[in-house]
Amino acid sequence: MQKKVTPLIKSISLKYNVPLDVVKAIINSQFECAREEAKKGEKGKPETFRNVRFKHLGLLVAKPSKIMAIHNAKRTRDRIRDSNTKMVPDSGSIRRGGVHTAEDKDSNSSEECT
């Protein structure tokens, strides 16, 4: 819980003579409901997301443009992660931390020892 919310929960609990756990459950239940509604939406299909109205807080609107922007940003992030993992050199191109030994110089015909 946030630091500002905890004292409020305690004061509500004392005022109405209700256990702390009950007050926390009442506060968290509406956000859990909103989370469940958001999970029902299908990725990449903004029309499947529903708006959620909080009685005293207002309306949580699922704008199609915002949903698509989030979806595209996640796809871009995943592509960047995938391309970064492909750029890691394979173990055959780096030997002994980049230090060449006499064996490496003998086996590699493109390098000459002078």
C-alpha atoms as a PDB file:
ATOM      1  CA  MET A   1       0.000   0.000   0.000  1.00  0.00           C
ATOM      2  CA  GLN A   2       1.050   3.568  -0.530  1.00  0.00           C
ATOM      3  CA  LYS A   3       2.125   5.624   2.459  1.00  0.00           C
ATOM      4  CA  LYS A   4      -0.719   8.109   2.019  1.00  0.00           C
ATOM      5  CA  VAL A   5      -3.384   5.401   1.753  1.00  0.00           C
ATOM      6  CA  THR A   6      -2.477   3.459   4.899  1.00  0.00           C
ATOM      7  CA  PRO A   7      -3.451   6.229   7.381  1.00  0.00           C
ATOM      8  CA  LEU A   8      -6.732   6.713   5.525  1.00  0.00           C
ATOM      9  CA  ILE A   9      -7.504   3.023   5.791  1.00  0.00           C
ATOM     10  CA  LYS A  10      -6.774   3.108   9.523  1.00  0.00           C
ATOM     11  CA  SER A  11      -9.006   6.144  10.073  1.00  0.00           C
ATOM     12  CA  ILE A  12     -11.886   4.570   8.110  1.00  0.00           C
ATOM     13  CA  SER A  13     -11.439   1.358  10.062  1.00  0.00           C
ATOM     14  CA  LEU A  14     -11.633   3.197  13.400  1.00  0.00           C
ATOM     15  CA  LYS A  15     -14.488   5.466  12.338  1.00  0.00           C
ATOM     16  CA  TYR A  16     -16.770   2.633  11.205  1.00  0.00           C
ATOM     17  CA  ASN A  17     -15.409  -0.004  13.629  1.00  0.00           C
ATOM     18  CA  VAL A  18     -14.457  -2.359  10.789  1.00  0.00           C
ATOM     19  CA  PRO A  19     -11.291  -4.528  10.625  1.00  0.00           C
ATOM     20  CA  LEU A  20      -8.391  -3.220   8.506  1.00  0.00           C
ATOM     21  CA  ASP A  21      -8.529  -6.237   6.188  1.00  0.00           C
ATOM     22  CA  VAL A  22     -12.164  -5.525   5.312  1.00  0.00           C
ATOM     23  CA  VAL A  23     -11.418  -1.897   4.446  1.00  0.00           C
ATOM     24  CA  LYS A  24      -8.424  -2.954   2.308  1.00  0.00           C
ATOM     25  CA  ALA A  25     -10.575  -5.535   0.509  1.00  0.00           C
ATOM     26  CA  ILE A  26     -13.242  -2.930  -0.246  1.00  0.00           C
ATOM     27  CA  ILE A  27     -10.671  -0.510  -1.681  1.00  0.00           C
ATOM     28  CA  ASN A  28      -8.752  -3.118  -3.675  1.00  0.00           C
ATOM     29  CA  SER A  29     -11.817  -4.925  -5.046  1.00  0.00           C
ATOM     30  CA  GLN A  30     -12.744  -2.159  -7.470  1.00  0.00           C
ATOM     31  CA  PHE A  31      -9.223  -2.069  -8.912  1.00  0.00           C
ATOM     32  CA  GLU A  32      -9.146  -5.858  -9.195  1.00  0.00           C
ATOM     33  CA  CYS A  33     -12.418  -5.657 -11.117  1.00  0.00           C
ATOM     34  CA  ALA A  34     -10.910  -3.064 -13.478  1.00  0.00           C
ATOM     35  CA  ARG A  35      -7.836  -5.284 -13.976  1.00  0.00           C
ATOM     36  CA  GLU A  36     -10.046  -8.276 -14.838  1.00  0.00           C
ATOM     37  CA  GLU A  37     -12.002  -6.209 -17.374  1.00  0.00           C
ATOM     38  CA  ALA A  38      -8.750  -5.008 -18.976  1.00  0.00           C
ATOM     39  CA  LYS A  39      -7.485  -8.605 -19.259  1.00  0.00           C
ATOM     40  CA  LYS A  40     -10.610  -9.590 -21.199  1.00  0.00           C
ATOM     41  CA  GLY A  41      -9.499  -7.425 -24.123  1.00  0.00           C
ATOM     42  CA  GLU A  42      -7.666  -9.139 -26.970  1.00  0.00           C
ATOM     43  CA  LYS A  43      -4.194  -7.983 -27.944  1.00  0.00           C
ATOM     44  CA  GLY A  44      -4.246  -5.880 -31.104  1.00  0.00           C
ATOM     45  CA  LYS A  45      -8.068  -5.531 -31.114  1.00  0.00           C
ATOM     46  CA  PRO A  46      -8.967  -2.242 -29.390  1.00  0.00           C
ATOM     47  CA  GLU A  47     -12.710  -2.778 -29.869  1.00  0.00           C
ATOM     48  CA  THR A  48     -12.605  -5.696 -27.381  1.00  0.00           C
ATOM     49  CA  PHE A  49     -11.566  -3.431 -24.467  1.00  0.00           C
ATOM     50  CA  ARG A  50     -14.334  -1.990 -22.298  1.00  0.00           C
ATOM     51  CA  ASN A  51     -14.506   1.254 -20.319  1.00  0.00           C
ATOM     52  CA  VAL A  52     -14.702   0.951 -16.511  1.00  0.00           C
ATOM     53  CA  ARG A  53     -16.549   3.457 -14.328  1.00  0.00           C
ATOM     54  CA  PHE A  54     -15.413   4.005 -10.740  1.00  0.00           C
ATOM     55  CA  LYS A  55     -18.249   5.392  -8.642  1.00  0.00           C
ATOM     56  CA  HIS A  56     -16.276   8.187  -6.946  1.00  0.00           C
ATOM     57  CA  LEU A  57     -13.163   8.347  -9.134  1.00  0.00           C
ATOM     58  CA  GLY A  58     -14.533   8.631 -12.641  1.00  0.00           C
ATOM     59  CA  LEU A  59     -14.299   6.739 -15.911  1.00  0.00           C
ATOM     60  CA  LEU A  60     -11.346   4.667 -17.096  1.00  0.00           C
ATOM     61  CA  VAL A  61     -11.552   4.979 -20.888  1.00  0.00           C
ATOM     62  CA  ALA A  62      -9.947   2.487 -23.244  1.00  0.00           C
ATOM     63  CA  LYS A  63      -9.115   4.618 -26.307  1.00  0.00           C
ATOM     64  CA  PRO A  64      -8.410   2.523 -29.411  1.00  0.00           C
ATOM     65  CA  SER A  65      -5.510   4.789 -30.441  1.00  0.00           C
ATOM     66  CA  LYS A  66      -3.851   4.457 -27.025  1.00  0.00           C
ATOM     67  CA  ILE A  67      -4.307   0.669 -26.984  1.00  0.00           C
ATOM     68  CA  MET A  68      -2.733   0.367 -30.445  1.00  0.00           C
ATOM     69  CA  ALA A  69       0.143   2.661 -29.412  1.00  0.00           C
ATOM     70  CA  ILE A  70       0.870   0.449 -26.391  1.00  0.00           C
ATOM     71  CA  HIS A  71       0.620  -2.688 -28.536  1.00  0.00           C
ATOM     72  CA  ASN A  72       2.999  -1.255 -31.164  1.00  0.00           C
ATOM     73  CA  ALA A  73       5.480  -0.090 -28.513  1.00  0.00           C
ATOM     74  CA  LYS A  74       5.599  -3.592 -27.027  1.00  0.00           C
ATOM     75  CA  ARG A  75       6.134  -5.140 -30.470  1.00  0.00           C
ATOM     76  CA  THR A  76       8.959  -2.689 -31.198  1.00  0.00           C
ATOM     77  CA  ARG A  77      10.546  -3.409 -27.804  1.00  0.00           C
ATOM     78  CA  ASP A  78      10.392  -7.158 -28.468  1.00  0.00           C
ATOM     79  CA  ARG A  79      11.955  -6.740 -31.920  1.00  0.00           C
ATOM     80  CA  ILE A  80      14.816  -4.720 -30.442  1.00  0.00           C
ATOM     81  CA  ARG A  81      15.389  -7.355 -27.773  1.00  0.00           C
ATOM     82  CA  ASP A  82      15.389 -10.103 -30.386  1.00  0.00           C
ATOM     83  CA  SER A  83      17.837  -8.241 -32.632  1.00  0.00           C
ATOM     84  CA  ASN A  84      20.172  -7.573 -29.685  1.00  0.00           C
ATOM     85  CA  THR A  85      20.313 -11.267 -28.788  1.00  0.00           C
ATOM     86  CA  LYS A  86      21.136 -12.161 -32.406  1.00  0.00           C
ATOM     87  CA  MET A  87      24.078  -9.743 -32.444  1.00  0.00           C
ATOM     88  CA  VAL A  88      25.939 -11.635 -29.713  1.00  0.00           C
ATOM     89  CA  PRO A  89      28.898 -13.371 -31.401  1.00  0.00           C
ATOM     90  CA  ASP A  90      29.045 -17.127 -31.339  1.00  0.00           C
ATOM     91  CA  SER A  91      31.619 -18.869 -29.187  1.00  0.00           C
ATOM     92  CA  GLY A  92      33.701 -19.921 -32.210  1.00  0.00           C
ATOM     93  CA  SER A  93      34.628 -16.367 -33.186  1.00  0.00           C
ATOM     94  CA  ILE A  94      36.078 -15.410 -29.810  1.00  0.00           C
ATOM     95  CA  ARG A  95      38.741 -17.599 -28.268  1.00  0.00           C
ATOM     96  CA  ARG A  96      40.061 -17.244 -24.761  1.00  0.00           C
ATOM     97  CA  GLY A  97      38.603 -13.761 -24.230  1.00  0.00           C
ATOM     98  CA  GLY A  98      40.063 -12.336 -27.428  1.00  0.00           C
ATOM     99  CA  VAL A  99      43.656 -13.303 -26.602  1.00  0.00           C
ATOM    100  CA  HIS A 100      45.317 -15.240 -29.412  1.00  0.00           C
ATOM    101  CA  THR A 101      47.778 -17.947 -28.569  1.00  0.00           C
ATOM    102  CA  ALA A 102      50.452 -19.560 -30.722  1.00  0.00           C
ATOM    103  CA  GLU A 103      47.976 -22.336 -31.593  1.00  0.00           C
ATOM    104  CA  ASP A 104      45.514 -19.761 -32.927  1.00  0.00           C
ATOM    105  CA  LYS A 105      48.147 -18.093 -35.089  1.00  0.00           C
ATOM    106  CA  ASP A 106      49.283 -21.412 -36.529  1.00  0.00           C
ATOM    107  CA  SER A 107      45.746 -22.527 -37.326  1.00  0.00           C
ATOM    108  CA  ASN A 108      44.691 -19.231 -38.882  1.00  0.00           C
ATOM    109  CA  SER A 109      46.259 -18.757 -42.299  1.00  0.00           C
ATOM    110  CA  SER A 110      45.100 -15.133 -42.715  1.00  0.00           C
ATOM    111  CA  GLU A 111      47.310 -13.846 -39.887  1.00  0.00           C
ATOM    112  CA  GLU A 112      51.040 -13.680 -40.345  1.00  0.00           C
ATOM    113  CA  CYS A 113      53.627 -13.727 -37.568  1.00  0.00           C
ATOM    114  CA  THR A 114      56.569 -11.432 -38.126  1.00  0.00           C
END
